[in-house]
């Protein structure tokens, strides 16, 4: 039987998730511009926790606390690989704040175009239905929750990698952009018209990128 706690008293409290997210944002404000590969890698991971927890919340409240921990570990392990690549790019390409000129505009165009691709929309649909995913992929054993976290992390990576890469165009630790992106990701995954919203976001990014290129 799927051990999903639906009773209010057994749910993972929103205060716990909010506290972790608040801690992550606080660390970004205080140490977001630390230099060096190791520090950049840590900050990218902290950034992912800060930005992804709001959209991850509908998943976490479905599980028992121990299941949520294994799920979150698998989920953020996937994003950790992305963070490693991003931190390496930031460090070895010496991207301290934001790339400039055509490279930045190109990133906006790529991110905007990706919003319309079948892969993006397929991954987004899977991200929007956590309970259905758990029920259709149910297996017994403790490893199940780790596998679900890994699977959801892959779907989320497929959904959001291009949006995250826009950080290189607008500022790797640009808190205003990070807050806006957090809201965009949450809207895509949680609003009733999230898939339509993703296309609107894509059109806006394309317009900004093309406008930048033609200046």
C-alpha atoms as a PDB file:
ATOM      1  CA  UNK A   1       0.000   0.000   0.000  1.00  0.00           C
ATOM      2  CA  UNK A   2       1.279   3.439  -0.866  1.00  0.00           C
ATOM      3  CA  UNK A   3       2.259   5.118   2.391  1.00  0.00           C
ATOM      4  CA  UNK A   4       0.995   8.601   1.564  1.00  0.00           C
ATOM      5  CA  UNK A   5      -0.216  10.661   4.488  1.00  0.00           C
ATOM      6  CA  UNK A   6      -3.217  12.732   3.571  1.00  0.00           C
ATOM      7  CA  UNK A   7      -4.356  13.663   7.063  1.00  0.00           C
ATOM      8  CA  UNK A   8      -3.486  17.204   8.050  1.00  0.00           C
ATOM      9  CA  UNK A   9      -1.836  16.191  11.304  1.00  0.00           C
ATOM     10  CA  UNK A  10       0.534  13.828   9.422  1.00  0.00           C
ATOM     11  CA  UNK A  11       1.529  16.148   6.605  1.00  0.00           C
ATOM     12  CA  UNK A  12       4.945  17.686   6.337  1.00  0.00           C
ATOM     13  CA  UNK A  13       4.374  21.128   7.752  1.00  0.00           C
ATOM     14  CA  UNK A  14       4.732  24.048   5.338  1.00  0.00           C
ATOM     15  CA  UNK A  15       6.758  25.827   8.025  1.00  0.00           C
ATOM     16  CA  UNK A  16       9.595  23.319   7.644  1.00  0.00           C
ATOM     17  CA  UNK A  17       9.820  23.834   3.898  1.00  0.00           C
ATOM     18  CA  UNK A  18       9.515  27.600   4.327  1.00  0.00           C
ATOM     19  CA  UNK A  19      12.277  27.610   6.939  1.00  0.00           C
ATOM     20  CA  UNK A  20      14.675  25.668   4.705  1.00  0.00           C
ATOM     21  CA  UNK A  21      13.907  27.943   1.760  1.00  0.00           C
ATOM     22  CA  UNK A  22      14.378  31.048   3.924  1.00  0.00           C
ATOM     23  CA  UNK A  23      17.735  29.729   5.155  1.00  0.00           C
ATOM     24  CA  UNK A  24      18.856  29.080   1.592  1.00  0.00           C
ATOM     25  CA  UNK A  25      17.868  32.589   0.489  1.00  0.00           C
ATOM     26  CA  UNK A  26      19.660  34.052   3.507  1.00  0.00           C
ATOM     27  CA  UNK A  27      22.856  32.216   2.585  1.00  0.00           C
ATOM     28  CA  UNK A  28      22.610  33.512  -0.965  1.00  0.00           C
ATOM     29  CA  UNK A  29      22.230  37.091   0.238  1.00  0.00           C
ATOM     30  CA  UNK A  30      25.175  36.741   2.600  1.00  0.00           C
ATOM     31  CA  UNK A  31      27.588  34.618   0.572  1.00  0.00           C
ATOM     32  CA  UNK A  32      26.228  34.519  -2.984  1.00  0.00           C
ATOM     33  CA  UNK A  33      29.291  36.129  -4.554  1.00  0.00           C
ATOM     34  CA  UNK A  34      31.901  33.850  -3.020  1.00  0.00           C
ATOM     35  CA  UNK A  35      34.743  33.116  -5.443  1.00  0.00           C
ATOM     36  CA  UNK A  36      36.426  29.863  -6.401  1.00  0.00           C
ATOM     37  CA  UNK A  37      35.046  26.667  -7.893  1.00  0.00           C
ATOM     38  CA  UNK A  38      34.157  24.979  -4.577  1.00  0.00           C
ATOM     39  CA  UNK A  39      32.345  28.049  -3.266  1.00  0.00           C
ATOM     40  CA  UNK A  40      30.525  28.484  -6.586  1.00  0.00           C
ATOM     41  CA  UNK A  41      29.444  24.835  -6.548  1.00  0.00           C
ATOM     42  CA  UNK A  42      28.056  25.187  -3.021  1.00  0.00           C
ATOM     43  CA  UNK A  43      26.241  28.410  -3.919  1.00  0.00           C
ATOM     44  CA  UNK A  44      24.695  26.896  -7.044  1.00  0.00           C
ATOM     45  CA  UNK A  45      23.338  24.041  -4.920  1.00  0.00           C
ATOM     46  CA  UNK A  46      22.000  26.470  -2.318  1.00  0.00           C
ATOM     47  CA  UNK A  47      20.413  28.452  -5.137  1.00  0.00           C
ATOM     48  CA  UNK A  48      18.644  25.344  -6.425  1.00  0.00           C
ATOM     49  CA  UNK A  49      17.258  24.599  -2.969  1.00  0.00           C
ATOM     50  CA  UNK A  50      16.016  28.181  -2.631  1.00  0.00           C
ATOM     51  CA  UNK A  51      14.435  28.255  -6.077  1.00  0.00           C
ATOM     52  CA  UNK A  52      12.990  24.750  -6.358  1.00  0.00           C
ATOM     53  CA  UNK A  53      11.465  24.201  -2.921  1.00  0.00           C
ATOM     54  CA  UNK A  54       8.290  26.225  -3.650  1.00  0.00           C
ATOM     55  CA  UNK A  55       7.444  24.126  -6.730  1.00  0.00           C
ATOM     56  CA  UNK A  56       8.564  20.938  -4.939  1.00  0.00           C
ATOM     57  CA  UNK A  57       6.197  21.516  -2.029  1.00  0.00           C
ATOM     58  CA  UNK A  58       3.184  19.648  -3.569  1.00  0.00           C
ATOM     59  CA  UNK A  59       5.360  16.550  -3.723  1.00  0.00           C
ATOM     60  CA  UNK A  60       6.808  16.801  -0.231  1.00  0.00           C
ATOM     61  CA  UNK A  61       3.438  17.106   1.508  1.00  0.00           C
ATOM     62  CA  UNK A  62       2.349  13.764   0.051  1.00  0.00           C
ATOM     63  CA  UNK A  63       5.028  11.698   1.749  1.00  0.00           C
ATOM     64  CA  UNK A  64       6.014  10.679   5.232  1.00  0.00           C
ATOM     65  CA  UNK A  65       8.993  12.691   6.543  1.00  0.00           C
ATOM     66  CA  UNK A  66      11.473   9.838   6.015  1.00  0.00           C
ATOM     67  CA  UNK A  67      10.171   9.323   2.486  1.00  0.00           C
ATOM     68  CA  UNK A  68      10.421  13.051   1.796  1.00  0.00           C
ATOM     69  CA  UNK A  69      14.074  13.061   2.876  1.00  0.00           C
ATOM     70  CA  UNK A  70      14.958  10.230   0.470  1.00  0.00           C
ATOM     71  CA  UNK A  71      12.901  11.824  -2.281  1.00  0.00           C
ATOM     72  CA  UNK A  72      14.576  15.221  -1.789  1.00  0.00           C
ATOM     73  CA  UNK A  73      18.028  13.609  -1.715  1.00  0.00           C
ATOM     74  CA  UNK A  74      17.429  11.973  -5.092  1.00  0.00           C
ATOM     75  CA  UNK A  75      15.902  15.122  -6.536  1.00  0.00           C
ATOM     76  CA  UNK A  76      18.709  17.464  -5.517  1.00  0.00           C
ATOM     77  CA  UNK A  77      21.363  14.883  -6.458  1.00  0.00           C
ATOM     78  CA  UNK A  78      20.244  15.324 -10.066  1.00  0.00           C
ATOM     79  CA  UNK A  79      20.381  19.099  -9.782  1.00  0.00           C
ATOM     80  CA  UNK A  80      23.768  18.726  -8.097  1.00  0.00           C
ATOM     81  CA  UNK A  81      25.180  17.413 -11.381  1.00  0.00           C
ATOM     82  CA  UNK A  82      23.807  20.461 -13.162  1.00  0.00           C
ATOM     83  CA  UNK A  83      25.286  22.681 -10.444  1.00  0.00           C
ATOM     84  CA  UNK A  84      28.686  21.059 -10.937  1.00  0.00           C
ATOM     85  CA  UNK A  85      28.614  21.845 -14.658  1.00  0.00           C
ATOM     86  CA  UNK A  86      27.324  25.379 -14.045  1.00  0.00           C
ATOM     87  CA  UNK A  87      29.947  26.099 -11.386  1.00  0.00           C
ATOM     88  CA  UNK A  88      32.679  24.758 -13.662  1.00  0.00           C
ATOM     89  CA  UNK A  89      31.486  27.006 -16.481  1.00  0.00           C
ATOM     90  CA  UNK A  90      31.305  29.985 -14.145  1.00  0.00           C
ATOM     91  CA  UNK A  91      34.777  29.361 -12.742  1.00  0.00           C
ATOM     92  CA  UNK A  92      36.730  28.370 -15.827  1.00  0.00           C
ATOM     93  CA  UNK A  93      35.055  30.879 -18.135  1.00  0.00           C
ATOM     94  CA  UNK A  94      35.498  33.513 -15.412  1.00  0.00           C
ATOM     95  CA  UNK A  95      31.821  34.527 -15.476  1.00  0.00           C
ATOM     96  CA  UNK A  96      31.661  36.676 -12.360  1.00  0.00           C
ATOM     97  CA  UNK A  97      28.396  38.511 -12.978  1.00  0.00           C
ATOM     98  CA  UNK A  98      26.861  38.074 -16.440  1.00  0.00           C
ATOM     99  CA  UNK A  99      28.066  37.412 -19.950  1.00  0.00           C
ATOM    100  CA  UNK A 100      27.644  40.306 -22.319  1.00  0.00           C
ATOM    101  CA  UNK A 101      26.556  41.119 -25.848  1.00  0.00           C
ATOM    102  CA  UNK A 102      25.564  38.429 -28.310  1.00  0.00           C
ATOM    103  CA  UNK A 103      26.271  35.564 -25.906  1.00  0.00           C
ATOM    104  CA  UNK A 104      23.712  36.854 -23.401  1.00  0.00           C
ATOM    105  CA  UNK A 105      21.137  37.493 -26.133  1.00  0.00           C
ATOM    106  CA  UNK A 106      21.770  34.013 -27.518  1.00  0.00           C
ATOM    107  CA  UNK A 107      21.100  32.459 -24.121  1.00  0.00           C
ATOM    108  CA  UNK A 108      17.756  34.267 -23.939  1.00  0.00           C
ATOM    109  CA  UNK A 109      16.826  33.057 -27.427  1.00  0.00           C
ATOM    110  CA  UNK A 110      17.784  29.456 -26.625  1.00  0.00           C
ATOM    111  CA  UNK A 111      15.865  29.504 -23.341  1.00  0.00           C
ATOM    112  CA  UNK A 112      12.827  31.049 -25.004  1.00  0.00           C
ATOM    113  CA  UNK A 113      12.823  28.606 -27.916  1.00  0.00           C
ATOM    114  CA  UNK A 114      13.227  25.623 -25.581  1.00  0.00           C
ATOM    115  CA  UNK A 115       9.965  26.542 -23.852  1.00  0.00           C
ATOM    116  CA  UNK A 116       8.098  25.452 -27.009  1.00  0.00           C
ATOM    117  CA  UNK A 117       9.856  22.124 -27.541  1.00  0.00           C
ATOM    118  CA  UNK A 118       8.121  18.740 -27.035  1.00  0.00           C
ATOM    119  CA  UNK A 119      10.746  17.769 -24.430  1.00  0.00           C
ATOM    120  CA  UNK A 120      10.007  20.839 -22.338  1.00  0.00           C
ATOM    121  CA  UNK A 121       6.270  20.298 -22.472  1.00  0.00           C
ATOM    122  CA  UNK A 122       6.550  16.563 -21.779  1.00  0.00           C
ATOM    123  CA  UNK A 123       8.756  17.119 -18.732  1.00  0.00           C
ATOM    124  CA  UNK A 124       6.472  19.900 -17.517  1.00  0.00           C
ATOM    125  CA  UNK A 125       3.383  17.686 -17.687  1.00  0.00           C
ATOM    126  CA  UNK A 126       5.137  15.043 -15.577  1.00  0.00           C
ATOM    127  CA  UNK A 127       6.223  17.675 -13.066  1.00  0.00           C
ATOM    128  CA  UNK A 128       2.633  18.865 -12.691  1.00  0.00           C
ATOM    129  CA  UNK A 129       1.192  15.490 -11.594  1.00  0.00           C
ATOM    130  CA  UNK A 130       3.110  14.139  -8.579  1.00  0.00           C
ATOM    131  CA  UNK A 131       0.450  11.820  -7.182  1.00  0.00           C
ATOM    132  CA  UNK A 132      -0.229  10.194 -10.538  1.00  0.00           C
ATOM    133  CA  UNK A 133       3.485   9.567 -11.012  1.00  0.00           C
ATOM    134  CA  UNK A 134       3.816   7.914  -7.608  1.00  0.00           C
ATOM    135  CA  UNK A 135       0.780   5.693  -8.099  1.00  0.00           C
ATOM    136  CA  UNK A 136       1.731   4.535 -11.595  1.00  0.00           C
ATOM    137  CA  UNK A 137       5.375   3.804 -10.691  1.00  0.00           C
ATOM    138  CA  UNK A 138       4.808   2.298  -7.237  1.00  0.00           C
ATOM    139  CA  UNK A 139       7.325  -0.312  -6.075  1.00  0.00           C
ATOM    140  CA  UNK A 140       7.909  -1.626  -2.580  1.00  0.00           C
ATOM    141  CA  UNK A 141      11.087  -0.960  -0.658  1.00  0.00           C
ATOM    142  CA  UNK A 142      12.881   2.051   0.729  1.00  0.00           C
ATOM    143  CA  UNK A 143      14.741   2.633  -2.510  1.00  0.00           C
ATOM    144  CA  UNK A 144      11.473   3.542  -4.226  1.00  0.00           C
ATOM    145  CA  UNK A 145      11.402   7.060  -2.805  1.00  0.00           C
ATOM    146  CA  UNK A 146      14.979   7.710  -3.844  1.00  0.00           C
ATOM    147  CA  UNK A 147      14.167   6.523  -7.374  1.00  0.00           C
ATOM    148  CA  UNK A 148      11.095   8.737  -7.473  1.00  0.00           C
ATOM    149  CA  UNK A 149      13.240  11.676  -6.423  1.00  0.00           C
ATOM    150  CA  UNK A 150      15.813  10.888  -9.091  1.00  0.00           C
ATOM    151  CA  UNK A 151      13.094  10.524 -11.715  1.00  0.00           C
ATOM    152  CA  UNK A 152      11.397  13.744 -10.749  1.00  0.00           C
ATOM    153  CA  UNK A 153      14.757  15.482 -10.671  1.00  0.00           C
ATOM    154  CA  UNK A 154      15.410  14.367 -14.254  1.00  0.00           C
ATOM    155  CA  UNK A 155      11.992  15.630 -15.338  1.00  0.00           C
ATOM    156  CA  UNK A 156      12.569  18.917 -13.556  1.00  0.00           C
ATOM    157  CA  UNK A 157      16.018  19.257 -15.093  1.00  0.00           C
ATOM    158  CA  UNK A 158      14.540  18.620 -18.521  1.00  0.00           C
ATOM    159  CA  UNK A 159      11.902  21.232 -17.782  1.00  0.00           C
ATOM    160  CA  UNK A 160      14.058  24.003 -16.312  1.00  0.00           C
ATOM    161  CA  UNK A 161      17.698  23.681 -17.385  1.00  0.00           C
ATOM    162  CA  UNK A 162      17.444  26.404 -20.027  1.00  0.00           C
ATOM    163  CA  UNK A 163      15.713  28.821 -17.685  1.00  0.00           C
ATOM    164  CA  UNK A 164      18.475  28.274 -15.142  1.00  0.00           C
ATOM    165  CA  UNK A 165      21.107  28.954 -17.802  1.00  0.00           C
ATOM    166  CA  UNK A 166      19.632  32.446 -18.274  1.00  0.00           C
ATOM    167  CA  UNK A 167      21.456  33.265 -15.030  1.00  0.00           C
ATOM    168  CA  UNK A 168      24.624  33.571 -17.109  1.00  0.00           C
ATOM    169  CA  UNK A 169      22.953  36.278 -19.189  1.00  0.00           C
ATOM    170  CA  UNK A 170      21.405  38.262 -16.339  1.00  0.00           C
ATOM    171  CA  UNK A 171      23.819  37.573 -13.487  1.00  0.00           C
ATOM    172  CA  UNK A 172      24.827  34.259 -11.925  1.00  0.00           C
ATOM    173  CA  UNK A 173      23.713  35.343  -8.464  1.00  0.00           C
ATOM    174  CA  UNK A 174      21.299  38.084  -9.482  1.00  0.00           C
ATOM    175  CA  UNK A 175      18.775  37.845  -6.637  1.00  0.00           C
ATOM    176  CA  UNK A 176      16.072  39.745  -8.525  1.00  0.00           C
ATOM    177  CA  UNK A 177      16.269  37.321 -11.450  1.00  0.00           C
ATOM    178  CA  UNK A 178      16.381  34.338  -9.100  1.00  0.00           C
ATOM    179  CA  UNK A 179      13.219  35.514  -7.329  1.00  0.00           C
ATOM    180  CA  UNK A 180      11.469  36.060 -10.665  1.00  0.00           C
ATOM    181  CA  UNK A 181      12.569  32.648 -11.922  1.00  0.00           C
ATOM    182  CA  UNK A 182      11.352  30.989  -8.727  1.00  0.00           C
ATOM    183  CA  UNK A 183       7.929  32.500  -9.348  1.00  0.00           C
ATOM    184  CA  UNK A 184       8.003  31.467 -13.031  1.00  0.00           C
ATOM    185  CA  UNK A 185       8.891  27.852 -12.239  1.00  0.00           C
ATOM    186  CA  UNK A 186       6.237  27.639  -9.523  1.00  0.00           C
ATOM    187  CA  UNK A 187       3.619  29.132 -11.857  1.00  0.00           C
ATOM    188  CA  UNK A 188       4.434  26.642 -14.617  1.00  0.00           C
ATOM    189  CA  UNK A 189       4.169  23.671 -12.294  1.00  0.00           C
ATOM    190  CA  UNK A 190       1.318  24.722  -9.999  1.00  0.00           C
ATOM    191  CA  UNK A 191      -1.094  27.023 -11.856  1.00  0.00           C
ATOM    192  CA  UNK A 192      -4.014  25.447 -13.771  1.00  0.00           C
ATOM    193  CA  UNK A 193      -2.749  27.018 -17.011  1.00  0.00           C
ATOM    194  CA  UNK A 194       0.901  26.290 -16.310  1.00  0.00           C
ATOM    195  CA  UNK A 195       1.662  24.845 -19.739  1.00  0.00           C
ATOM    196  CA  UNK A 196       0.259  27.944 -21.436  1.00  0.00           C
ATOM    197  CA  UNK A 197       2.191  30.106 -19.002  1.00  0.00           C
ATOM    198  CA  UNK A 198       5.425  28.366 -20.029  1.00  0.00           C
ATOM    199  CA  UNK A 199       4.820  29.350 -23.646  1.00  0.00           C
ATOM    200  CA  UNK A 200       4.123  32.948 -22.665  1.00  0.00           C
ATOM    201  CA  UNK A 201       7.434  32.950 -20.796  1.00  0.00           C
ATOM    202  CA  UNK A 202       9.136  31.500 -23.849  1.00  0.00           C
ATOM    203  CA  UNK A 203       7.706  34.199 -26.099  1.00  0.00           C
ATOM    204  CA  UNK A 204       8.879  36.912 -23.694  1.00  0.00           C
ATOM    205  CA  UNK A 205      12.420  35.473 -23.564  1.00  0.00           C
ATOM    206  CA  UNK A 206      12.542  35.190 -27.339  1.00  0.00           C
ATOM    207  CA  UNK A 207      11.395  38.780 -27.742  1.00  0.00           C
ATOM    208  CA  UNK A 208      14.021  40.014 -25.265  1.00  0.00           C
ATOM    209  CA  UNK A 209      16.789  37.995 -26.905  1.00  0.00           C
ATOM    210  CA  UNK A 210      15.928  39.038 -30.457  1.00  0.00           C
ATOM    211  CA  UNK A 211      15.543  42.648 -29.364  1.00  0.00           C
ATOM    212  CA  UNK A 212      18.944  42.507 -27.704  1.00  0.00           C
ATOM    213  CA  UNK A 213      20.546  41.046 -30.850  1.00  0.00           C
ATOM    214  CA  UNK A 214      19.061  43.709 -33.109  1.00  0.00           C
ATOM    215  CA  UNK A 215      20.057  46.713 -31.014  1.00  0.00           C
END
